[in-house]
Amino acid sequence: MRILGIDPGLAAVGWGVIVYPKGGPDLVRWGQIKTPAGKPLSLRLRRIHESLVELIEKERPEVVAVEQIFFATNVKTAITVAQARGVALLAAAETDTPVAEYTPLQIKKAVTGRGNAGKAQVQKMVATLLGLREIPRPDHAADALAAALCHGHTLKSDRLIRAAHPRATP
């Protein structure tokens, strides 16, 4: 399965594409979409939208895995990230690409085995799981790859559960 992971943000949207075959994940590529800080919000969101539509059309993922937002303190940041996240969901919908959404806790747990893992541990595990010598940079791209890996691991777990318990519905 070809999976596009997205880590939403206004200044930078991280993205990463993996293929999750039976044996485990294979990296395709990763990057980020940057928006200029001095531009109006509407133009920055349009850049994110257009870039994601172009990326989805080029990469042809079977699913887009998007990190959900979790902010407890900075409401202003949460709102702008939510707007960028909405644009990412719209890009997936416009290209008829299914979306899977995961909380940061779910992503951390799927990648490291611990829901309270730190950012450095998640990034190191992303590199390890994808057979990379170095942690993917920028950080947003590593987070997007973690979201894609989370989806791949979730699908694998669901298949194993169905195989062991055919009447179970994970």
N, C-alpha and C. Protein backbone atom coordinates (compact mmCIF):
# COMPACT_ATOMS: atom_id res chain seq x y z
N MET A 1 0.85 -1.18 0.00
CA MET A 1 0.00 0.00 0.00
C MET A 1 0.89 1.24 0.00
N ARG A 2 0.57 2.18 -0.83
CA ARG A 2 1.29 3.45 -0.92
C ARG A 2 0.58 4.45 -0.01
N ILE A 3 1.32 5.01 0.96
CA ILE A 3 0.75 5.87 1.98
C ILE A 3 1.48 7.22 1.98
N LEU A 4 0.70 8.29 1.95
CA LEU A 4 1.23 9.64 2.10
C LEU A 4 0.92 10.12 3.51
N GLY A 5 1.96 10.38 4.29
CA GLY A 5 1.78 10.94 5.63
C GLY A 5 1.90 12.45 5.57
N ILE A 6 1.06 13.14 6.34
CA ILE A 6 1.09 14.60 6.38
C ILE A 6 1.13 15.07 7.83
N ASP A 7 2.08 15.97 8.10
CA ASP A 7 2.17 16.66 9.38
C ASP A 7 1.79 18.11 9.12
N PRO A 8 0.55 18.51 9.45
CA PRO A 8 0.08 19.84 9.07
C PRO A 8 0.73 20.96 9.89
N GLY A 9 0.88 22.09 9.24
CA GLY A 9 1.39 23.29 9.87
C GLY A 9 1.22 24.45 8.90
N LEU A 10 1.29 25.66 9.37
CA LEU A 10 1.13 26.81 8.48
C LEU A 10 2.46 27.22 7.87
N ALA A 11 3.51 27.31 8.67
CA ALA A 11 4.82 27.69 8.14
C ALA A 11 5.39 26.59 7.27
N ALA A 12 5.17 25.34 7.68
CA ALA A 12 5.69 24.19 6.92
C ALA A 12 4.77 22.99 7.13
N VAL A 13 4.44 22.33 6.04
CA VAL A 13 3.70 21.08 6.07
C VAL A 13 4.69 19.98 5.72
N GLY A 14 4.88 19.05 6.65
CA GLY A 14 5.75 17.92 6.35
C GLY A 14 4.97 16.85 5.63
N TRP A 15 5.67 16.15 4.71
CA TRP A 15 5.03 15.04 4.02
C TRP A 15 6.05 13.93 3.80
N GLY A 16 5.54 12.72 3.71
CA GLY A 16 6.40 11.57 3.45
C GLY A 16 5.59 10.47 2.80
N VAL A 17 6.19 9.81 1.83
CA VAL A 17 5.53 8.74 1.10
C VAL A 17 6.28 7.44 1.38
N ILE A 18 5.54 6.42 1.81
CA ILE A 18 6.12 5.09 1.99
C ILE A 18 5.25 4.08 1.25
N VAL A 19 5.84 2.93 1.00
CA VAL A 19 5.10 1.78 0.50
C VAL A 19 5.19 0.74 1.60
N TYR A 20 4.05 0.19 1.98
CA TYR A 20 4.03 -0.77 3.08
C TYR A 20 3.67 -2.16 2.53
N PRO A 21 4.69 -2.89 2.07
CA PRO A 21 4.44 -4.26 1.61
C PRO A 21 4.37 -5.23 2.78
N LYS A 22 4.19 -6.51 2.49
CA LYS A 22 4.04 -7.51 3.56
C LYS A 22 5.23 -7.55 4.51
N GLY A 23 6.44 -7.40 3.99
CA GLY A 23 7.64 -7.51 4.83
C GLY A 23 7.89 -6.32 5.73
N GLY A 24 7.37 -5.17 5.40
CA GLY A 24 7.61 -3.96 6.18
C GLY A 24 7.69 -2.76 5.27
N PRO A 25 7.91 -1.59 5.85
CA PRO A 25 7.83 -0.36 5.06
C PRO A 25 9.07 -0.10 4.20
N ASP A 26 8.84 0.50 3.05
CA ASP A 26 9.89 0.99 2.17
C ASP A 26 9.66 2.48 1.97
N LEU A 27 10.73 3.24 2.08
CA LEU A 27 10.65 4.68 1.90
C LEU A 27 10.61 5.03 0.42
N VAL A 28 9.77 5.97 0.07
CA VAL A 28 9.76 6.50 -1.29
C VAL A 28 10.48 7.84 -1.29
N ARG A 29 9.90 8.83 -0.60
CA ARG A 29 10.56 10.13 -0.47
C ARG A 29 9.81 10.98 0.54
N TRP A 30 10.43 12.12 0.88
CA TRP A 30 9.82 13.03 1.85
C TRP A 30 10.24 14.46 1.55
N GLY A 31 9.55 15.39 2.21
CA GLY A 31 9.87 16.80 2.04
C GLY A 31 8.95 17.67 2.85
N GLN A 32 8.92 18.94 2.50
CA GLN A 32 8.04 19.87 3.18
C GLN A 32 7.55 20.93 2.20
N ILE A 33 6.41 21.49 2.54
CA ILE A 33 5.85 22.61 1.79
C ILE A 33 5.96 23.81 2.72
N LYS A 34 6.74 24.79 2.31
CA LYS A 34 6.93 25.98 3.13
C LYS A 34 6.08 27.12 2.59
N THR A 35 5.61 27.96 3.52
CA THR A 35 4.86 29.15 3.12
C THR A 35 5.55 30.38 3.69
N PRO A 36 5.55 31.47 2.94
CA PRO A 36 6.23 32.69 3.41
C PRO A 36 5.48 33.38 4.55
N ALA A 37 6.21 33.68 5.62
CA ALA A 37 5.60 34.24 6.84
C ALA A 37 4.91 35.58 6.61
N GLY A 38 5.37 36.38 5.71
CA GLY A 38 4.80 37.70 5.53
C GLY A 38 3.55 37.77 4.68
N LYS A 39 3.18 36.67 4.09
CA LYS A 39 2.02 36.65 3.19
C LYS A 39 0.72 36.49 3.97
N PRO A 40 -0.40 36.94 3.39
CA PRO A 40 -1.71 36.75 4.04
C PRO A 40 -2.03 35.25 4.21
N LEU A 41 -2.77 34.98 5.26
CA LEU A 41 -3.15 33.60 5.57
C LEU A 41 -3.80 32.91 4.38
N SER A 42 -4.69 33.59 3.69
CA SER A 42 -5.40 32.96 2.57
C SER A 42 -4.43 32.50 1.47
N LEU A 43 -3.38 33.27 1.22
CA LEU A 43 -2.41 32.89 0.19
C LEU A 43 -1.53 31.73 0.65
N ARG A 44 -1.22 31.72 1.94
CA ARG A 44 -0.42 30.61 2.48
C ARG A 44 -1.22 29.31 2.42
N LEU A 45 -2.51 29.37 2.76
CA LEU A 45 -3.35 28.18 2.70
C LEU A 45 -3.53 27.71 1.26
N ARG A 46 -3.65 28.65 0.33
CA ARG A 46 -3.77 28.27 -1.08
C ARG A 46 -2.51 27.55 -1.55
N ARG A 47 -1.35 28.03 -1.13
CA ARG A 47 -0.09 27.37 -1.50
C ARG A 47 -0.05 25.94 -0.97
N ILE A 48 -0.45 25.76 0.27
CA ILE A 48 -0.47 24.41 0.86
C ILE A 48 -1.42 23.52 0.06
N HIS A 49 -2.61 24.02 -0.20
CA HIS A 49 -3.62 23.25 -0.93
C HIS A 49 -3.12 22.84 -2.32
N GLU A 50 -2.66 23.81 -3.07
CA GLU A 50 -2.20 23.52 -4.44
C GLU A 50 -1.02 22.55 -4.44
N SER A 51 -0.09 22.73 -3.51
CA SER A 51 1.08 21.85 -3.44
C SER A 51 0.69 20.43 -3.06
N LEU A 52 -0.26 20.29 -2.13
CA LEU A 52 -0.70 18.95 -1.73
C LEU A 52 -1.47 18.26 -2.84
N VAL A 53 -2.33 18.98 -3.55
CA VAL A 53 -3.05 18.38 -4.67
C VAL A 53 -2.04 17.89 -5.71
N GLU A 54 -1.06 18.72 -6.02
CA GLU A 54 -0.02 18.34 -6.99
C GLU A 54 0.75 17.10 -6.51
N LEU A 55 1.11 17.08 -5.23
CA LEU A 55 1.83 15.95 -4.65
C LEU A 55 1.00 14.67 -4.72
N ILE A 56 -0.26 14.75 -4.35
CA ILE A 56 -1.13 13.58 -4.38
C ILE A 56 -1.29 13.07 -5.81
N GLU A 57 -1.47 13.99 -6.75
CA GLU A 57 -1.62 13.57 -8.15
C GLU A 57 -0.34 12.94 -8.68
N LYS A 58 0.80 13.40 -8.22
CA LYS A 58 2.09 12.84 -8.67
C LYS A 58 2.38 11.50 -8.01
N GLU A 59 2.19 11.41 -6.71
CA GLU A 59 2.56 10.21 -5.95
C GLU A 59 1.50 9.11 -5.97
N ARG A 60 0.25 9.48 -6.19
CA ARG A 60 -0.87 8.53 -6.24
C ARG A 60 -0.94 7.59 -5.02
N PRO A 61 -0.99 8.17 -3.81
CA PRO A 61 -1.12 7.29 -2.64
C PRO A 61 -2.51 6.65 -2.62
N GLU A 62 -2.58 5.51 -1.97
CA GLU A 62 -3.87 4.84 -1.79
C GLU A 62 -4.61 5.42 -0.59
N VAL A 63 -3.87 6.07 0.30
CA VAL A 63 -4.46 6.68 1.49
C VAL A 63 -3.54 7.81 1.96
N VAL A 64 -4.14 8.80 2.59
CA VAL A 64 -3.39 9.89 3.21
C VAL A 64 -3.57 9.76 4.72
N ALA A 65 -2.46 9.66 5.45
CA ALA A 65 -2.49 9.59 6.91
C ALA A 65 -2.14 10.96 7.45
N VAL A 66 -3.06 11.56 8.20
CA VAL A 66 -2.89 12.92 8.68
C VAL A 66 -2.88 12.93 10.21
N GLU A 67 -1.93 13.67 10.75
CA GLU A 67 -1.87 13.80 12.21
C GLU A 67 -2.97 14.74 12.67
N GLN A 68 -3.67 14.32 13.71
CA GLN A 68 -4.68 15.17 14.32
C GLN A 68 -4.00 16.21 15.19
N ILE A 69 -4.71 17.25 15.51
CA ILE A 69 -4.14 18.35 16.28
C ILE A 69 -4.36 18.13 17.77
N PHE A 70 -3.32 18.39 18.53
CA PHE A 70 -3.44 18.33 19.98
C PHE A 70 -2.60 19.46 20.57
N PHE A 71 -3.25 20.52 20.97
CA PHE A 71 -2.59 21.65 21.62
C PHE A 71 -3.35 21.96 22.89
N ALA A 72 -2.65 22.11 23.97
CA ALA A 72 -3.33 22.42 25.22
C ALA A 72 -3.14 23.87 25.64
N THR A 73 -2.14 24.56 25.10
CA THR A 73 -1.83 25.89 25.62
C THR A 73 -2.02 27.02 24.61
N ASN A 74 -1.50 26.88 23.40
CA ASN A 74 -1.49 28.00 22.47
C ASN A 74 -2.66 27.91 21.48
N VAL A 75 -3.72 28.60 21.78
CA VAL A 75 -4.94 28.55 20.96
C VAL A 75 -4.70 29.13 19.57
N LYS A 76 -3.96 30.22 19.49
CA LYS A 76 -3.69 30.85 18.19
C LYS A 76 -2.96 29.88 17.25
N THR A 77 -1.95 29.21 17.76
CA THR A 77 -1.22 28.23 16.96
C THR A 77 -2.15 27.08 16.56
N ALA A 78 -2.95 26.62 17.49
CA ALA A 78 -3.86 25.52 17.20
C ALA A 78 -4.83 25.88 16.07
N ILE A 79 -5.29 27.11 16.05
CA ILE A 79 -6.24 27.53 15.01
C ILE A 79 -5.58 27.55 13.64
N THR A 80 -4.36 28.11 13.56
CA THR A 80 -3.70 28.15 12.25
C THR A 80 -3.31 26.77 11.77
N VAL A 81 -2.88 25.90 12.68
CA VAL A 81 -2.56 24.53 12.30
C VAL A 81 -3.84 23.81 11.86
N ALA A 82 -4.94 24.06 12.55
CA ALA A 82 -6.22 23.46 12.17
C ALA A 82 -6.64 23.89 10.77
N GLN A 83 -6.39 25.14 10.43
CA GLN A 83 -6.72 25.61 9.09
C GLN A 83 -5.87 24.90 8.04
N ALA A 84 -4.58 24.74 8.31
CA ALA A 84 -3.70 24.02 7.39
C ALA A 84 -4.12 22.55 7.29
N ARG A 85 -4.52 21.98 8.40
CA ARG A 85 -4.99 20.60 8.41
C ARG A 85 -6.26 20.45 7.57
N GLY A 86 -7.16 21.42 7.69
CA GLY A 86 -8.38 21.40 6.88
C GLY A 86 -8.08 21.46 5.40
N VAL A 87 -7.10 22.25 5.03
CA VAL A 87 -6.70 22.35 3.62
C VAL A 87 -6.13 21.00 3.15
N ALA A 88 -5.38 20.32 4.01
CA ALA A 88 -4.83 19.01 3.66
C ALA A 88 -5.96 17.99 3.45
N LEU A 89 -6.96 18.02 4.33
CA LEU A 89 -8.11 17.12 4.18
C LEU A 89 -8.87 17.43 2.90
N LEU A 90 -9.00 18.70 2.58
CA LEU A 90 -9.67 19.10 1.34
C LEU A 90 -8.91 18.60 0.12
N ALA A 91 -7.59 18.71 0.13
CA ALA A 91 -6.78 18.23 -1.00
C ALA A 91 -6.98 16.73 -1.20
N ALA A 92 -7.02 15.98 -0.12
CA ALA A 92 -7.27 14.53 -0.23
C ALA A 92 -8.66 14.27 -0.79
N ALA A 93 -9.65 14.99 -0.30
CA ALA A 93 -11.03 14.80 -0.77
C ALA A 93 -11.16 15.15 -2.24
N GLU A 94 -10.54 16.23 -2.67
CA GLU A 94 -10.63 16.65 -4.07
C GLU A 94 -9.99 15.65 -5.02
N THR A 95 -9.02 14.89 -4.52
CA THR A 95 -8.35 13.89 -5.36
C THR A 95 -8.91 12.49 -5.11
N ASP A 96 -10.03 12.42 -4.39
CA ASP A 96 -10.68 11.14 -4.08
C ASP A 96 -9.74 10.15 -3.39
N THR A 97 -8.92 10.66 -2.50
CA THR A 97 -7.98 9.82 -1.76
C THR A 97 -8.50 9.66 -0.33
N PRO A 98 -8.69 8.43 0.12
CA PRO A 98 -9.16 8.21 1.49
C PRO A 98 -8.19 8.79 2.51
N VAL A 99 -8.72 9.18 3.66
CA VAL A 99 -7.93 9.78 4.73
C VAL A 99 -8.04 8.92 5.99
N ALA A 100 -6.90 8.73 6.65
CA ALA A 100 -6.86 8.09 7.96
C ALA A 100 -6.26 9.13 8.92
N GLU A 101 -6.89 9.32 10.06
CA GLU A 101 -6.45 10.32 11.01
C GLU A 101 -5.98 9.66 12.30
N TYR A 102 -4.84 10.13 12.82
CA TYR A 102 -4.26 9.56 14.02
C TYR A 102 -3.84 10.66 14.97
N THR A 103 -4.03 10.41 16.25
CA THR A 103 -3.58 11.36 17.27
C THR A 103 -2.06 11.23 17.42
N PRO A 104 -1.42 12.26 17.96
CA PRO A 104 0.01 12.14 18.22
C PRO A 104 0.34 10.93 19.10
N LEU A 105 -0.50 10.64 20.10
CA LEU A 105 -0.28 9.48 20.96
C LEU A 105 -0.31 8.18 20.16
N GLN A 106 -1.28 8.04 19.25
CA GLN A 106 -1.36 6.84 18.43
C GLN A 106 -0.13 6.68 17.56
N ILE A 107 0.33 7.79 16.99
CA ILE A 107 1.51 7.74 16.12
C ILE A 107 2.74 7.34 16.92
N LYS A 108 2.94 7.97 18.07
CA LYS A 108 4.10 7.64 18.90
C LYS A 108 4.09 6.18 19.31
N LYS A 109 2.92 5.70 19.71
CA LYS A 109 2.81 4.32 20.16
C LYS A 109 3.07 3.34 19.02
N ALA A 110 2.57 3.64 17.83
CA ALA A 110 2.76 2.75 16.68
C ALA A 110 4.22 2.70 16.25
N VAL A 111 4.92 3.81 16.37
CA VAL A 111 6.30 3.88 15.88
C VAL A 111 7.31 3.45 16.93
N THR A 112 7.07 3.78 18.21
CA THR A 112 8.05 3.49 19.26
C THR A 112 7.60 2.43 20.26
N GLY A 113 6.29 2.17 20.31
CA GLY A 113 5.77 1.26 21.32
C GLY A 113 5.34 1.98 22.59
N ARG A 114 5.59 3.30 22.64
CA ARG A 114 5.24 4.09 23.83
C ARG A 114 4.52 5.36 23.40
N GLY A 115 3.37 5.61 23.99
CA GLY A 115 2.60 6.80 23.66
C GLY A 115 3.20 8.09 24.21
N ASN A 116 4.10 7.96 25.18
CA ASN A 116 4.72 9.15 25.77
C ASN A 116 6.15 9.35 25.26
N ALA A 117 6.50 8.74 24.14
CA ALA A 117 7.85 8.88 23.59
C ALA A 117 8.12 10.33 23.20
N GLY A 118 9.36 10.72 23.31
CA GLY A 118 9.76 12.07 22.93
C GLY A 118 9.98 12.18 21.43
N LYS A 119 10.06 13.41 20.97
CA LYS A 119 10.23 13.69 19.54
C LYS A 119 11.50 13.02 18.99
N ALA A 120 12.60 13.09 19.74
CA ALA A 120 13.86 12.51 19.28
C ALA A 120 13.74 10.99 19.13
N GLN A 121 13.04 10.34 20.05
CA GLN A 121 12.87 8.89 19.98
C GLN A 121 12.02 8.51 18.77
N VAL A 122 10.97 9.27 18.52
CA VAL A 122 10.12 8.99 17.34
C VAL A 122 10.95 9.14 16.07
N GLN A 123 11.70 10.21 15.97
CA GLN A 123 12.50 10.44 14.77
C GLN A 123 13.54 9.35 14.56
N LYS A 124 14.17 8.91 15.63
CA LYS A 124 15.16 7.84 15.54
C LYS A 124 14.51 6.54 15.07
N MET A 125 13.32 6.23 15.59
CA MET A 125 12.62 5.02 15.18
C MET A 125 12.15 5.10 13.73
N VAL A 126 11.75 6.29 13.27
CA VAL A 126 11.38 6.47 11.86
C VAL A 126 12.58 6.09 10.98
N ALA A 127 13.76 6.61 11.34
CA ALA A 127 14.97 6.29 10.57
C ALA A 127 15.27 4.79 10.62
N THR A 128 15.15 4.19 11.79
CA THR A 128 15.42 2.76 11.94
C THR A 128 14.44 1.92 11.13
N LEU A 129 13.16 2.21 11.26
CA LEU A 129 12.14 1.42 10.56
C LEU A 129 12.26 1.54 9.04
N LEU A 130 12.76 2.68 8.56
CA LEU A 130 12.89 2.88 7.11
C LEU A 130 14.30 2.58 6.61
N GLY A 131 15.17 2.10 7.50
CA GLY A 131 16.52 1.72 7.10
C GLY A 131 17.39 2.89 6.68
N LEU A 132 17.18 4.05 7.31
CA LEU A 132 17.95 5.24 6.98
C LEU A 132 19.14 5.39 7.92
N ARG A 133 20.23 5.94 7.43
CA ARG A 133 21.41 6.18 8.26
C ARG A 133 21.23 7.39 9.16
N GLU A 134 20.42 8.34 8.69
CA GLU A 134 20.19 9.56 9.44
C GLU A 134 18.70 9.82 9.59
N ILE A 135 18.37 10.62 10.58
CA ILE A 135 16.97 11.02 10.80
C ILE A 135 16.54 11.90 9.64
N PRO A 136 15.35 11.65 9.07
CA PRO A 136 14.87 12.51 7.99
C PRO A 136 14.72 13.96 8.46
N ARG A 137 15.14 14.87 7.66
CA ARG A 137 15.02 16.30 7.94
C ARG A 137 14.22 16.95 6.83
N PRO A 138 13.45 17.93 7.09
CA PRO A 138 13.22 18.60 8.37
C PRO A 138 12.35 17.77 9.31
N ASP A 139 12.21 18.24 10.54
CA ASP A 139 11.43 17.53 11.56
C ASP A 139 10.00 17.25 11.12
N HIS A 140 9.39 18.19 10.41
CA HIS A 140 8.01 18.00 9.96
C HIS A 140 7.89 16.80 9.02
N ALA A 141 8.91 16.59 8.19
CA ALA A 141 8.89 15.44 7.29
C ALA A 141 9.01 14.13 8.07
N ALA A 142 9.86 14.12 9.10
CA ALA A 142 9.99 12.92 9.94
C ALA A 142 8.66 12.62 10.63
N ASP A 143 7.96 13.66 11.08
CA ASP A 143 6.66 13.47 11.71
C ASP A 143 5.63 12.93 10.71
N ALA A 144 5.70 13.41 9.48
CA ALA A 144 4.79 12.91 8.44
C ALA A 144 5.07 11.44 8.13
N LEU A 145 6.34 11.08 8.07
CA LEU A 145 6.70 9.67 7.85
C LEU A 145 6.21 8.81 9.01
N ALA A 146 6.26 9.35 10.23
CA ALA A 146 5.75 8.62 11.39
C ALA A 146 4.24 8.38 11.25
N ALA A 147 3.51 9.36 10.74
CA ALA A 147 2.06 9.18 10.52
C ALA A 147 1.81 8.10 9.47
N ALA A 148 2.60 8.09 8.42
CA ALA A 148 2.46 7.06 7.38
C ALA A 148 2.78 5.68 7.95
N LEU A 149 3.85 5.59 8.74
CA LEU A 149 4.21 4.31 9.37
C LEU A 149 3.12 3.84 10.32
N CYS A 150 2.52 4.77 11.05
CA CYS A 150 1.42 4.43 11.96
C CYS A 150 0.29 3.77 11.18
N HIS A 151 -0.05 4.34 10.04
CA HIS A 151 -1.14 3.75 9.25
C HIS A 151 -0.75 2.37 8.75
N GLY A 152 0.47 2.23 8.27
CA GLY A 152 0.92 0.92 7.80
C GLY A 152 0.90 -0.13 8.90
N HIS A 153 1.38 0.24 10.09
CA HIS A 153 1.36 -0.68 11.23
C HIS A 153 -0.07 -1.03 11.64
N THR A 154 -0.96 -0.05 11.59
CA THR A 154 -2.36 -0.27 11.95
C THR A 154 -3.00 -1.27 10.98
N LEU A 155 -2.75 -1.10 9.69
CA LEU A 155 -3.28 -2.04 8.71
C LEU A 155 -2.75 -3.45 8.93
N LYS A 156 -1.45 -3.55 9.22
CA LYS A 156 -0.83 -4.85 9.46
C LYS A 156 -1.45 -5.52 10.69
N SER A 157 -1.64 -4.76 11.76
CA SER A 157 -2.26 -5.29 12.97
C SER A 157 -3.68 -5.77 12.70
N ASP A 158 -4.43 -4.97 11.94
CA ASP A 158 -5.81 -5.35 11.62
C ASP A 158 -5.85 -6.65 10.83
N ARG A 159 -4.92 -6.81 9.89
CA ARG A 159 -4.86 -8.05 9.09
C ARG A 159 -4.53 -9.25 9.96
N LEU A 160 -3.59 -9.08 10.89
CA LEU A 160 -3.22 -10.17 11.79
C LEU A 160 -4.38 -10.57 12.69
N ILE A 161 -5.10 -9.58 13.18
CA ILE A 161 -6.27 -9.87 14.03
C ILE A 161 -7.33 -10.62 13.24
N ARG A 162 -7.60 -10.18 12.01
CA ARG A 162 -8.60 -10.86 11.18
C ARG A 162 -8.17 -12.28 10.85
N ALA A 163 -6.88 -12.50 10.62
CA ALA A 163 -6.38 -13.84 10.31
C ALA A 163 -6.52 -14.76 11.52
N ALA A 164 -6.23 -14.24 12.71
CA ALA A 164 -6.31 -15.05 13.92
C ALA A 164 -7.75 -15.25 14.39
N HIS A 165 -8.58 -14.25 14.14
CA HIS A 165 -9.98 -14.30 14.59
C HIS A 165 -10.86 -13.81 13.45
N PRO A 166 -11.20 -14.67 12.52
CA PRO A 166 -11.94 -14.25 11.32
C PRO A 166 -13.26 -13.52 11.62
N ARG A 167 -13.87 -13.78 12.75
CA ARG A 167 -15.15 -13.13 13.05
C ARG A 167 -14.97 -11.81 13.79
N ALA A 168 -13.73 -11.50 14.18
CA ALA A 168 -13.45 -10.25 14.90
C ALA A 168 -13.44 -9.09 13.94
N THR A 169 -13.83 -7.93 14.42
CA THR A 169 -13.77 -6.72 13.61
C THR A 169 -12.93 -5.69 14.34
N PRO A 170 -11.66 -5.53 13.94
CA PRO A 170 -10.78 -4.58 14.64
C PRO A 170 -11.18 -3.16 14.39
